[in-house]
Amino acid sequence: MTVELPPGDAGTPPHRHSGPVFGYMLEGEMVFELEGEPERIIRAGEAFWEPGGDVIHYQAGNNLADAWSRFVVVMVGVPGEPMLTIVEEEELLARRDRRAPRPTP
């Protein structure tokens, strides 16, 4: 599927996927953060992936305030399970020690 994020869009709230996700940035920039990894910027022409399963995907938002960002993803899901599940605040708090340190402004 193709995902299109308007300028400055924060993207989907913290979530997880039932299986692995493979992606490629078509244009723009995305702030990308998985549980246990520092956030990073994925730019047009770069690929990314996430393992799915129990790993929380914290961020996949548009890093640009003045341009759209677009990427394509292939998701491999577990039969009978949703492709995307939003993580509740209670679980985020319980697992906060697994999140990489936040950048300082």
C-alpha atoms as a PDB file:
ATOM      1  CA  MET A   1       0.000   0.000   0.000  1.00  0.00           C
ATOM      2  CA  THR A   2       1.016   3.620  -0.453  1.00  0.00           C
ATOM      3  CA  VAL A   3       0.933   5.879   2.611  1.00  0.00           C
ATOM      4  CA  GLU A   4       0.672   9.636   2.077  1.00  0.00           C
ATOM      5  CA  LEU A   5       1.325  12.037   4.951  1.00  0.00           C
ATOM      6  CA  PRO A   6       0.450  15.731   4.656  1.00  0.00           C
ATOM      7  CA  PRO A   7       2.982  18.324   5.836  1.00  0.00           C
ATOM      8  CA  GLY A   8       3.762  17.942   9.541  1.00  0.00           C
ATOM      9  CA  ASP A   9       1.430  14.948  10.020  1.00  0.00           C
ATOM     10  CA  ALA A  10       2.433  12.900  13.079  1.00  0.00           C
ATOM     11  CA  GLY A  11       1.249   9.672  11.442  1.00  0.00           C
ATOM     12  CA  THR A  12      -0.350   6.729  13.218  1.00  0.00           C
ATOM     13  CA  PRO A  13      -0.160   6.708  17.038  1.00  0.00           C
ATOM     14  CA  PRO A  14       2.087   4.059  18.645  1.00  0.00           C
ATOM     15  CA  HIS A  15       1.106   0.677  17.262  1.00  0.00           C
ATOM     16  CA  ARG A  16       2.338  -2.780  16.319  1.00  0.00           C
ATOM     17  CA  HIS A  17       1.934  -5.008  13.291  1.00  0.00           C
ATOM     18  CA  SER A  18       1.193  -8.727  13.442  1.00  0.00           C
ATOM     19  CA  GLY A  19       4.042  -9.490  11.022  1.00  0.00           C
ATOM     20  CA  PRO A  20       7.012  -7.812   9.330  1.00  0.00           C
ATOM     21  CA  VAL A  21       6.731  -4.600   7.330  1.00  0.00           C
ATOM     22  CA  PHE A  22       9.048  -3.598   4.477  1.00  0.00           C
ATOM     23  CA  GLY A  23       8.978  -0.055   3.122  1.00  0.00           C
ATOM     24  CA  TYR A  24      10.519   2.399   0.698  1.00  0.00           C
ATOM     25  CA  MET A  25      10.344   6.208   0.866  1.00  0.00           C
ATOM     26  CA  LEU A  26       9.084   7.600  -2.434  1.00  0.00           C
ATOM     27  CA  GLU A  27       9.346  11.272  -1.488  1.00  0.00           C
ATOM     28  CA  GLY A  28       9.828  13.476   1.542  1.00  0.00           C
ATOM     29  CA  GLU A  29      11.089  12.442   4.961  1.00  0.00           C
ATOM     30  CA  MET A  30       9.685  10.299   7.750  1.00  0.00           C
ATOM     31  CA  VAL A  31      10.517  10.274  11.458  1.00  0.00           C
ATOM     32  CA  PHE A  32      10.779   6.555  12.190  1.00  0.00           C
ATOM     33  CA  GLU A  33      11.085   4.976  15.627  1.00  0.00           C
ATOM     34  CA  LEU A  34      10.806   1.385  16.775  1.00  0.00           C
ATOM     35  CA  GLU A  35      10.940   0.138  20.341  1.00  0.00           C
ATOM     36  CA  GLY A  36      14.537  -0.174  21.530  1.00  0.00           C
ATOM     37  CA  GLU A  37      15.954   1.961  18.699  1.00  0.00           C
ATOM     38  CA  PRO A  38      16.584   5.702  18.563  1.00  0.00           C
ATOM     39  CA  GLU A  39      14.336   7.680  16.258  1.00  0.00           C
ATOM     40  CA  ARG A  40      15.830   8.395  12.851  1.00  0.00           C
ATOM     41  CA  ILE A  41      14.921  10.155   9.634  1.00  0.00           C
ATOM     42  CA  ILE A  42      14.157   8.048   6.554  1.00  0.00           C
ATOM     43  CA  ARG A  43      14.579  10.073   3.339  1.00  0.00           C
ATOM     44  CA  ALA A  44      13.343   9.603  -0.224  1.00  0.00           C
ATOM     45  CA  GLY A  45      15.181   6.702  -1.850  1.00  0.00           C
ATOM     46  CA  GLU A  46      15.827   4.874   1.426  1.00  0.00           C
ATOM     47  CA  ALA A  47      14.282   1.595   2.584  1.00  0.00           C
ATOM     48  CA  PHE A  48      13.143   0.565   6.053  1.00  0.00           C
ATOM     49  CA  TRP A  49      11.694  -2.461   7.797  1.00  0.00           C
ATOM     50  CA  GLU A  50      10.288  -3.538  11.113  1.00  0.00           C
ATOM     51  CA  PRO A  51       9.959  -7.047  12.510  1.00  0.00           C
ATOM     52  CA  GLY A  52       6.336  -6.824  13.625  1.00  0.00           C
ATOM     53  CA  GLY A  53       5.030  -8.994  16.418  1.00  0.00           C
ATOM     54  CA  ASP A  54       5.485  -7.551  19.909  1.00  0.00           C
ATOM     55  CA  VAL A  55       7.676  -4.571  18.863  1.00  0.00           C
ATOM     56  CA  ILE A  56       6.019  -1.167  19.279  1.00  0.00           C
ATOM     57  CA  HIS A  57       6.272   1.214  16.324  1.00  0.00           C
ATOM     58  CA  TYR A  58       6.304   4.620  18.036  1.00  0.00           C
ATOM     59  CA  GLN A  59       6.642   7.003  15.098  1.00  0.00           C
ATOM     60  CA  ALA A  60       6.109   7.124  11.347  1.00  0.00           C
ATOM     61  CA  GLY A  61       5.323  10.801  10.814  1.00  0.00           C
ATOM     62  CA  ASN A  62       6.107  13.375   8.164  1.00  0.00           C
ATOM     63  CA  ASN A  63       9.304  15.192   9.150  1.00  0.00           C
ATOM     64  CA  LEU A  64       8.578  18.072   6.741  1.00  0.00           C
ATOM     65  CA  ALA A  65       6.373  21.033   7.691  1.00  0.00           C
ATOM     66  CA  ASP A  66       5.997  22.235   4.104  1.00  0.00           C
ATOM     67  CA  ALA A  67       5.775  19.142   1.879  1.00  0.00           C
ATOM     68  CA  TRP A  68       4.017  15.804   1.596  1.00  0.00           C
ATOM     69  CA  SER A  69       5.839  12.566   2.372  1.00  0.00           C
ATOM     70  CA  ARG A  70       4.939   9.305   0.647  1.00  0.00           C
ATOM     71  CA  PHE A  71       6.120   5.759   1.139  1.00  0.00           C
ATOM     72  CA  VAL A  72       5.119   2.322  -0.018  1.00  0.00           C
ATOM     73  CA  VAL A  73       4.912  -0.668   2.329  1.00  0.00           C
ATOM     74  CA  VAL A  74       4.460  -4.404   2.038  1.00  0.00           C
ATOM     75  CA  MET A  75       3.047  -5.935   5.218  1.00  0.00           C
ATOM     76  CA  VAL A  76       3.086  -9.651   5.980  1.00  0.00           C
ATOM     77  CA  GLY A  77       0.385 -10.394   8.522  1.00  0.00           C
ATOM     78  CA  VAL A  78      -0.589 -13.323  10.676  1.00  0.00           C
ATOM     79  CA  PRO A  79      -3.803 -14.900   9.344  1.00  0.00           C
ATOM     80  CA  GLY A  80      -6.814 -13.888  11.409  1.00  0.00           C
ATOM     81  CA  GLU A  81      -5.003 -11.055  13.211  1.00  0.00           C
ATOM     82  CA  PRO A  82      -5.297  -7.333  12.418  1.00  0.00           C
ATOM     83  CA  MET A  83      -2.461  -5.798  10.394  1.00  0.00           C
ATOM     84  CA  LEU A  84      -2.227  -2.856  12.805  1.00  0.00           C
ATOM     85  CA  THR A  85      -3.129  -2.573  16.480  1.00  0.00           C
ATOM     86  CA  ILE A  86      -2.939   0.717  18.406  1.00  0.00           C
ATOM     87  CA  VAL A  87      -1.015   0.346  21.685  1.00  0.00           C
ATOM     88  CA  GLU A  88      -2.907   1.586  24.747  1.00  0.00           C
ATOM     89  CA  GLU A  89      -1.383   4.234  27.048  1.00  0.00           C
ATOM     90  CA  GLU A  90      -1.193   1.758  29.954  1.00  0.00           C
ATOM     91  CA  GLU A  91       1.064  -0.567  27.935  1.00  0.00           C
ATOM     92  CA  LEU A  92       3.226   2.349  26.755  1.00  0.00           C
ATOM     93  CA  LEU A  93       3.809   3.328  30.387  1.00  0.00           C
ATOM     94  CA  ALA A  94       4.573  -0.265  31.425  1.00  0.00           C
ATOM     95  CA  ARG A  95       7.169  -0.598  28.640  1.00  0.00           C
ATOM     96  CA  ARG A  96       8.683   2.903  28.814  1.00  0.00           C
ATOM     97  CA  ASP A  97      12.064   1.412  29.825  1.00  0.00           C
ATOM     98  CA  ARG A  98      12.269  -0.283  26.391  1.00  0.00           C
ATOM     99  CA  ARG A  99      12.094   3.009  24.494  1.00  0.00           C
ATOM    100  CA  ALA A 100      15.393   4.577  23.429  1.00  0.00           C
ATOM    101  CA  PRO A 101      16.249   7.913  25.069  1.00  0.00           C
ATOM    102  CA  ARG A 102      14.426  10.867  23.502  1.00  0.00           C
ATOM    103  CA  PRO A 103      16.460  13.524  21.663  1.00  0.00           C
ATOM    104  CA  THR A 104      16.953  16.744  23.570  1.00  0.00           C
ATOM    105  CA  PRO A 105      15.672  19.934  21.920  1.00  0.00           C
END
